[in-house]
Structure formats: structure tokens, C-alpha cells
Protein backbone atom coordinates (compact mmCIF):
# COMPACT_ATOMS: atom_id res chain seq x y z
CA MET A 1 -14.52 -20.97 -26.17
CA SER A 2 -17.27 -22.94 -25.07
CA GLY A 3 -18.33 -23.24 -21.83
CA ALA A 4 -15.66 -20.37 -20.77
CA GLN A 5 -17.06 -18.15 -17.67
CA VAL A 6 -16.17 -14.95 -17.23
CA ASP A 7 -16.75 -12.89 -13.86
CA LEU A 8 -16.47 -9.28 -14.55
CA ILE A 9 -16.97 -7.08 -11.15
CA LEU A 10 -17.26 -3.18 -12.12
CA PRO A 11 -18.41 -1.44 -8.67
CA GLY A 12 -19.81 2.28 -9.58
CA LEU A 13 -21.09 1.53 -13.03
CA LEU A 14 -24.96 1.75 -11.11
CA ASP A 15 -23.98 4.74 -8.97
CA LEU A 16 -23.48 7.03 -12.05
CA PRO A 17 -25.25 10.06 -12.24
CA VAL A 18 -26.16 9.22 -15.69
CA GLN A 19 -28.88 12.10 -15.94
CA GLU A 20 -26.04 14.21 -15.94
CA LEU A 21 -24.35 12.42 -18.80
CA ASP A 22 -25.45 13.16 -22.19
CA ALA A 23 -27.35 9.62 -23.46
CA ALA A 24 -26.86 10.26 -26.98
CA THR A 25 -23.36 10.25 -26.56
CA LEU A 26 -23.06 7.68 -24.35
CA GLN A 27 -24.81 5.20 -26.47
CA GLN A 28 -22.71 6.05 -29.28
CA ALA A 29 -19.17 5.47 -27.45
CA THR A 30 -20.17 2.41 -25.70
CA PRO A 31 -22.30 0.43 -28.15
CA ALA A 32 -20.77 -2.93 -26.41
CA LEU A 33 -21.82 -2.12 -23.17
CA HIS A 34 -25.22 -1.19 -24.45
CA ARG A 35 -25.29 -4.75 -26.19
CA LEU A 36 -24.50 -6.36 -23.03
CA LEU A 37 -27.22 -4.29 -20.74
CA ARG A 38 -29.84 -5.34 -23.62
CA PHE A 39 -29.35 -8.63 -23.99
CA ALA A 40 -28.28 -9.78 -20.33
CA SER A 41 -30.91 -11.37 -17.99
CA ARG A 42 -30.84 -9.98 -14.65
CA GLU A 43 -30.60 -11.19 -10.98
CA THR A 44 -31.06 -9.48 -7.88
CA VAL A 45 -28.80 -10.15 -5.28
CA ALA A 46 -27.69 -9.03 -1.49
CA ALA A 47 -25.90 -5.32 -1.94
CA CYS A 48 -22.10 -6.03 -0.96
CA ASP A 49 -19.00 -4.01 -2.19
CA PHE A 50 -16.22 -5.42 -4.71
CA ASP A 51 -14.52 -7.24 -1.99
CA ASP A 52 -17.01 -9.04 -0.77
CA VAL A 53 -17.86 -10.13 -4.19
CA LEU A 54 -14.39 -11.45 -4.74
CA LEU A 55 -14.52 -13.65 -1.49
CA GLN A 56 -17.74 -14.56 -2.61
CA ARG A 57 -16.34 -15.90 -6.32
CA LEU A 58 -13.48 -17.42 -4.80
CA GLY A 59 -15.07 -19.25 -1.69
CA MET A 60 -13.00 -17.81 0.48
CA LYS A 61 -14.44 -18.21 3.76
CA GLN A 62 -13.07 -15.11 5.56
CA ALA A 63 -14.05 -11.69 6.16
CA ALA A 64 -12.00 -9.57 3.99
CA LEU A 65 -9.70 -10.33 1.13
CA PRO A 66 -5.59 -11.45 2.80
CA PHE A 67 -4.33 -8.16 0.52
CA ALA A 68 -1.26 -7.53 2.62
CA SER A 69 -0.29 -11.29 2.69
CA ALA A 70 -0.18 -10.91 -1.34
CA LEU A 71 1.66 -7.89 -0.68
CA GLN A 72 4.66 -8.72 1.91
CA ALA A 73 7.83 -9.28 0.85
CA SER A 74 9.43 -10.09 4.56
CA THR A 75 7.35 -12.55 7.26
CA LYS A 76 9.06 -10.59 9.82
CA GLY A 77 5.87 -9.81 11.91
CA GLN A 78 2.26 -9.37 10.09
CA SER A 79 1.14 -6.67 7.70
CA LEU A 80 -1.64 -4.49 6.96
CA CYS A 81 -2.58 -1.77 4.07
CA PHE A 82 -3.24 1.66 5.06
CA ARG A 83 -4.16 4.82 3.21
CA PRO A 84 -4.07 8.55 5.21
CA VAL A 85 -8.03 9.78 5.54
CA HIS A 86 -9.69 11.91 6.97
CA LEU A 87 -12.36 10.51 9.77
CA LYS A 88 -15.56 12.43 10.21
CA ALA A 89 -16.66 11.30 13.73
CA ASP A 90 -19.31 12.62 16.25
CA ILE A 91 -20.89 10.85 18.77
CA ASN A 92 -22.97 8.26 16.70
CA ASN A 93 -21.49 7.81 13.20
CA ALA A 94 -17.98 8.40 11.69
CA ILE A 95 -16.84 8.30 8.01
CA VAL A 96 -14.36 8.36 5.82
CA PHE A 97 -13.27 11.00 3.67
CA PRO A 98 -10.86 10.63 1.02
CA ILE A 99 -8.07 13.75 1.28
CA ASP A 100 -6.81 16.01 -1.32
CA GLU A 101 -3.99 14.57 -3.23
CA ASN A 102 -1.06 16.83 -1.97
CA HIS A 103 1.11 13.78 -2.00
CA GLU A 104 4.05 16.10 -0.03
CA ASP A 105 1.85 16.42 2.60
CA VAL A 106 1.04 12.87 3.03
CA ASP A 107 4.25 11.81 2.37
CA ILE A 108 5.92 14.20 5.10
CA ILE A 109 3.29 13.33 8.01
CA ILE A 110 3.49 9.39 7.15
CA ASN A 111 7.73 9.29 7.33
CA GLY A 112 7.09 11.52 10.44
CA LEU A 113 5.14 8.87 11.81
CA SER A 114 7.07 5.66 10.47
CA ASP A 115 9.93 7.50 12.21
CA PHE A 116 7.87 7.92 15.52
CA PHE A 117 6.81 4.65 15.61
CA LYS A 118 9.60 2.86 14.47
CA GLN A 119 9.61 0.53 17.90
CA ASP A 120 6.43 -0.94 17.02
CA CYS A 121 6.08 -0.75 13.10
CA ASP A 122 7.90 -0.75 9.64
CA ILE A 123 6.15 1.36 7.25
CA GLU A 124 6.65 1.28 3.31
CA LYS A 125 5.39 3.33 0.82
CA ARG A 126 3.60 1.67 -2.56
CA PRO A 127 3.42 3.09 -5.87
CA ASP A 128 -0.37 3.42 -5.65
CA GLN A 129 -0.28 5.82 -2.71
CA SER A 130 -0.95 3.26 -0.31
CA TRP A 131 1.20 1.81 2.82
CA LEU A 132 2.08 -1.17 4.14
CA MET A 133 2.61 -1.29 7.40
CA THR A 134 3.91 -4.29 9.31
CA LEU A 135 3.88 -4.47 12.86
CA LYS A 136 6.85 -6.26 15.01
CA THR A 137 4.32 -7.17 18.32
CA VAL A 138 0.70 -6.03 17.90
CA ARG A 139 -1.83 -8.34 16.04
CA PRO A 140 -3.29 -5.97 13.54
CA VAL A 141 -7.01 -5.28 13.08
CA ASP A 142 -8.70 -7.49 10.56
CA GLY A 143 -12.08 -8.23 8.93
CA VAL A 144 -12.04 -4.75 7.39
CA PRO A 145 -13.17 -3.98 4.05
CA HIS A 146 -10.88 -2.48 1.24
CA TYR A 147 -10.08 1.65 0.86
CA LEU A 148 -12.14 2.16 -1.80
CA SER A 149 -15.44 0.39 -0.22
CA ALA A 150 -14.93 2.26 3.03
CA LEU A 151 -14.79 5.49 1.10
CA GLY A 152 -17.82 7.91 1.65
CA LYS A 153 -19.72 5.14 4.33
CA LYS A 154 -20.38 5.16 7.88
CA VAL A 155 -17.61 2.89 9.79
CA THR A 156 -18.37 3.25 13.11
CA HIS A 157 -19.29 -0.50 12.90
CA TYR A 158 -15.65 -1.89 12.00
CA LEU A 159 -14.10 1.68 14.96
CA GLN A 160 -16.08 -0.63 17.60
CA GLN A 161 -14.76 -3.89 16.45
CA ALA A 162 -11.11 -2.18 16.79
CA LYS A 163 -11.60 -2.43 20.65
CA SER A 164 -11.64 -6.08 20.82
CA ASN A 165 -7.85 -6.02 19.82
CA LEU A 166 -6.62 -3.75 22.95
CA ASP A 167 -3.20 -3.82 21.76
CA TRP A 168 -3.53 -2.55 18.47
CA PHE A 169 -6.81 -0.40 19.85
CA LYS A 170 -3.89 1.44 21.86
CA LEU A 171 -1.58 1.69 19.11
CA PHE A 172 -3.73 3.02 16.58
CA ASN A 173 -5.22 5.91 19.05
CA GLU A 174 -1.46 7.12 19.67
CA MET A 175 -1.18 6.94 15.91
CA GLN A 176 -4.10 9.23 15.79
CA MET A 177 -3.34 11.53 18.46
CA PHE A 178 0.06 12.15 16.58
CA LEU A 179 -1.34 12.69 13.08
CA HIS A 180 -3.81 15.27 15.14
CA GLN A 181 -1.15 17.22 16.71
CA HIS A 182 1.63 17.13 13.24
CA ALA A 183 2.79 20.58 12.21
CA VAL A 184 1.63 19.59 8.57
CA ASN A 185 -2.46 19.62 10.34
CA GLN A 186 -1.71 22.72 11.44
CA ARG A 187 -1.21 24.46 8.69
CA ARG A 188 -4.33 22.23 6.30
CA GLN A 189 -6.33 23.69 9.23
CA GLN A 190 -5.42 27.08 8.68
CA ASN A 191 -5.64 26.87 4.62
CA GLY A 192 -9.33 25.22 5.17
CA GLN A 193 -8.23 21.78 4.01
CA LEU A 194 -9.33 18.20 5.53
CA LEU A 195 -7.34 17.57 7.86
CA ILE A 196 -5.17 14.19 7.67
CA ASN A 197 -6.35 12.87 10.58
CA SER A 198 -6.89 8.98 10.59
CA LEU A 199 -5.72 6.09 8.99
CA TRP A 200 -7.57 3.62 7.10
CA CYS A 201 -6.24 0.05 7.46
CA TRP A 202 -7.03 -3.04 5.43
CA GLY A 203 -5.86 -6.41 4.21
CA ALA A 204 -4.58 -8.20 7.60
CA ASP A 205 -6.26 -10.68 7.04
CA ASP A 206 -4.91 -14.14 7.26
CA TYR A 207 -4.41 -16.48 3.99
CA GLN A 208 -5.63 -19.53 4.23
CA GLY A 209 -3.83 -21.38 1.26
CA GLU A 210 -7.27 -21.12 -1.49
CA LYS A 211 -6.07 -21.48 -5.07
CA SER A 212 -7.67 -20.30 -8.29
CA ILE A 213 -5.06 -21.88 -10.75
CA ASP A 214 -8.18 -22.82 -13.15
CA ARG A 215 -8.61 -18.89 -13.80
CA GLN A 216 -7.44 -16.12 -15.81
CA TRP A 217 -7.12 -12.92 -13.97
CA PHE A 218 -7.01 -9.16 -15.78
CA SER A 219 -6.79 -6.17 -13.30
CA ASP A 220 -4.69 -2.80 -12.90
CA GLU A 221 -4.58 -2.59 -9.39
CA ALA A 222 -1.17 -3.67 -8.37
CA ASP A 223 -2.97 -5.43 -4.87
CA LEU A 224 -5.35 -6.79 -6.98
CA ALA A 225 -2.76 -8.56 -9.15
CA ALA A 226 -0.73 -9.66 -6.29
CA LEU A 227 -3.77 -10.84 -4.67
CA GLY A 228 -4.35 -12.93 -8.02
CA GLU A 229 -0.64 -14.18 -7.72
CA LEU A 230 -1.21 -15.45 -4.41
CA LEU A 231 -4.17 -17.50 -5.26
CA GLY A 232 -2.26 -18.81 -8.25
CA ALA A 233 -4.06 -17.61 -10.83
CA ALA A 234 -2.61 -16.12 -14.94
CA VAL A 235 -2.63 -12.48 -14.22
CA HIS A 236 -2.79 -10.11 -17.00
CA PRO A 237 -2.58 -6.43 -17.28
CA PHE A 238 -6.36 -4.95 -18.11
CA SER A 239 -4.64 -4.21 -21.69
CA ASP A 240 -4.31 -8.09 -22.66
CA LEU A 241 -7.90 -8.02 -23.00
CA LYS A 242 -7.46 -6.44 -26.70
CA THR A 243 -5.04 -8.84 -27.53
CA GLY A 244 -6.73 -11.72 -27.40
CA ALA A 245 -5.58 -13.17 -24.36
CA LEU A 246 -8.98 -14.18 -22.94
CA ASN A 247 -9.01 -17.54 -23.61
CA GLN A 248 -10.63 -19.62 -20.71
CA SER A 249 -12.72 -18.90 -17.24
CA ALA A 250 -11.49 -15.58 -15.79
CA ILE A 251 -12.42 -12.88 -13.26
CA ILE A 252 -11.68 -9.48 -14.20
CA ILE A 253 -11.48 -6.36 -11.99
CA ASP A 254 -12.00 -2.69 -12.51
CA LEU A 255 -12.08 0.22 -10.19
CA SER A 256 -11.68 2.71 -12.16
CA LEU A 257 -15.60 4.12 -12.29
CA LEU A 258 -15.34 3.63 -8.07
CA LYS A 259 -12.14 5.86 -8.11
CA ALA A 260 -13.56 8.42 -10.26
CA LEU A 261 -16.75 8.54 -8.66
CA LYS A 262 -14.64 8.81 -4.92
CA GLN A 263 -12.00 10.40 -5.45
CA ASP A 264 -12.13 12.78 -8.39
CA PRO A 265 -15.17 14.96 -8.59
CA ASP A 266 -13.71 16.30 -12.05
CA ALA A 267 -13.37 13.25 -13.72
CA ASP A 268 -15.05 13.08 -17.33
CA LEU A 269 -17.40 9.56 -16.67
CA THR A 270 -17.92 9.49 -20.21
CA ALA A 271 -14.53 9.22 -21.04
CA VAL A 272 -13.66 6.31 -18.66
CA LEU A 273 -16.68 4.36 -19.95
CA ALA A 274 -15.65 4.80 -23.43
CA ARG A 275 -11.81 3.46 -22.12
CA LEU A 276 -13.50 0.62 -20.57
CA GLU A 277 -15.73 -0.14 -24.15
CA GLN A 278 -12.38 -0.62 -25.83
CA GLN A 279 -10.55 -2.23 -23.41
CA CYS A 280 -13.18 -4.80 -22.17
CA PHE A 281 -16.45 -4.47 -23.48
CA ALA A 282 -15.67 -4.73 -26.91
CA PRO A 283 -13.11 -7.61 -26.56
CA MET A 284 -15.12 -9.54 -24.18
CA LEU A 285 -18.08 -9.53 -26.26
CA LYS A 286 -16.00 -10.35 -29.73
CA SER A 287 -14.45 -13.46 -27.10
CA LYS A 288 -17.92 -14.86 -27.57
CA VAL A 289 -17.89 -15.98 -23.65
CA ASP A 290 -20.39 -16.09 -21.25
CA ILE A 291 -20.59 -13.16 -18.98
CA THR A 292 -21.55 -12.34 -15.07
CA LEU A 293 -21.52 -8.60 -14.43
CA HIS A 294 -21.41 -7.82 -11.42
CA THR A 295 -22.22 -4.57 -10.48
CA ALA A 296 -21.68 -4.47 -6.72
CA ALA A 297 -24.99 -2.46 -6.50
CA GLY A 298 -27.44 -5.42 -5.81
CA LEU A 299 -27.76 -6.46 -9.20
CA ASN A 300 -26.46 -8.97 -11.54
CA LEU A 301 -26.40 -8.93 -15.34
CA HIS A 302 -25.75 -12.35 -16.75
CA TYR A 303 -24.90 -12.26 -20.90
CA ARG A 304 -24.99 -15.38 -23.09
CA PRO A 305 -23.91 -14.40 -26.79
CA SER A 306 -26.71 -17.01 -28.15
CA ARG A 307 -29.04 -14.62 -26.49
CA GLU A 308 -28.20 -12.13 -29.33
CA TRP A 309 -30.72 -13.58 -31.70
CA GLN A 310 -33.57 -12.35 -29.52
CA PHE A 311 -33.95 -9.39 -31.30
CA TRP A 312 -37.34 -8.31 -29.89
CA LYS A 313 -35.55 -7.07 -26.80
CA LYS A 314 -35.60 -3.63 -26.19
CA PRO A 315 -32.63 -1.26 -25.60
CA VAL A 316 -31.70 -0.97 -22.25
CA SER A 317 -29.77 2.20 -20.45
CA LEU A 318 -27.89 2.55 -17.53
CA LEU A 319 -30.50 4.62 -15.66
CA ASP A 320 -33.46 1.71 -16.42
CA LEU A 321 -31.41 -0.21 -14.24
CA GLN A 322 -30.53 1.44 -11.89
CA GLY A 323 -32.50 1.19 -8.29
CA GLN A 324 -33.19 -2.37 -9.68
CA GLY A 325 -30.58 -3.76 -6.80
CA ALA A 326 -31.92 -5.18 -3.62
């Protein structure tokens, strides 16, 4: 597969609390990953989120990815993706927090929202616990990062930006008032749970017709797989890497580390890395392809199989790389 170039986008890798993990167990569980770390050259880049990395690699000249266009089955209105969140706001900052995975609470409150605002929009639940909102007259807000990119970060800039779209801003404020007053939130407040007091909306950007037919595309995320299909790429589930399906230049995107770090405080991070070893790192290195590992943390790693003859290279751990990004 001479000349095949693989972009592996793996956000969260350099954000792992590796000092809390057993180094020997991690090394034993991920030998291919550690080979890649040892023999890869390093490139300091501007720190950015995984969706920004994708925009750059795809050459798309817009502020955010057109996820809703990829997922939208209907052309009756413009759509956006959203997830219910807890928005902690004060006079200077606003930070997005995930809510606990009580799907019953979420379903009740969003079904109520859908019914109350049925003159303004149609709301459809997706299998990944996100939702698709199709607006009937209002233009949605665009230029907004993916939900996973926004979690735990200050988002004041994006909330201020939404004010320039007055129709959307008014509708969104009315939706927030509905959420705040809902009986589910009154009960959650009494139980000491985070309120479901806002929505994080993203993916409304227009699709400009770009194509990526010369690449394979590997992802288990439904919205990312749909995006690959929109671009005309040959889309595969992540597990196909183990079956030798990697046979040309490719984009490979895995968000499991990011999800574990941002949504699951009890996640077994060593187990997540061990799964990535079996499904991703080992098959890629076996395929003898050139790899650029995008950490989305200000550091890219460039691996070429021919560099493995440089036997004098010292072993490199994840801890060695943390803090080296821009």
C-alpha cells in the first residue's frame, strides 16, 4: 500500500490522567500504540477540537461541520443537532456540563418541548441519544462546535454569537424558559441533580458540496459516518480495520476516549485503550501505512513504517508527550 496516507483523529489521547494508570499494565496492553509513539516524529500545531481537525483535513472552508445536512432526511426546513445539557452561567462565563444519563427524564422533558413548540419545529430522537430539530421558519445558529468539543468548556463566545440571529435567539430563550419551569427540573432540583436547563445545538452549517471520494472513512459514530457518506467516502465501521479493509488513504475517527473523559467518570481508561489497540493501532501498523495521529491537543505524530529500523530510538510514553502541544 505504498503512498497510502492515514489520518487518525483521536481526541483525548493526551488528556488522559496517565499518572493515575498503571504504566506497566498500559505498556503491556498497548504495544502497537507504544511502537507508534516511539518511532513517530512530532509536530506542534495550533490546538483545536476534533471537528476543526476534520474541517482542515477535508479542506472545508466553513466554521463548523454540516452534521445536520448529513443526518437530515427531510428538506422541509433547516435542521440542527442538539443534546440537552446543564449550562452553568454567571455574568462572565458559561460552561456546558453533561447531564446524568437518566434517559427517562430526558425523554419526558424533550417530548414536552417538542409538543409545546410544534408550530416552530419538528424534533426527532436519534439512536445515539442526540436529537435532530428541523425548524419551520427560523434559520438556525451555525458555526458551533460539536457537543463533545463543547463539554466542560467556556462557551460564552458562542452564546453571544447567537444574539446576532434574533429570531433564533428569541426562540432559544423561550425553549430555555420551558426547560427551567418543567416539573422534571423541579424534581431534579429537589434531588440535588443537575438541571436540564439548556440545549447544546450544533451542525446547522450549510453543506457546500465538497467530496472526498478518494478516501476511506472509518468511524462508529452515527453522525460522523453520515458525514462521510455525505462526502462520498467509502464508509466502514471501526471493526473493519481488523479485517484488512484499510487498503487506501483513509480518515479514521474514534471518540471513545473523549466520551470516557467527558461523560463517564467511572470509565476504565486502560480497557478503552486496550480496545483501541486491538481494533485500531495493531491493524494499522500491520497494514504498513503512513499515519498522522491528530491528538487535537496541539501535537501531531507522524509515523512511517520505515522508521522502525531506527532501533536507537528510546521508548516514549503518553506521559512523555503530555504538555508538548501548542
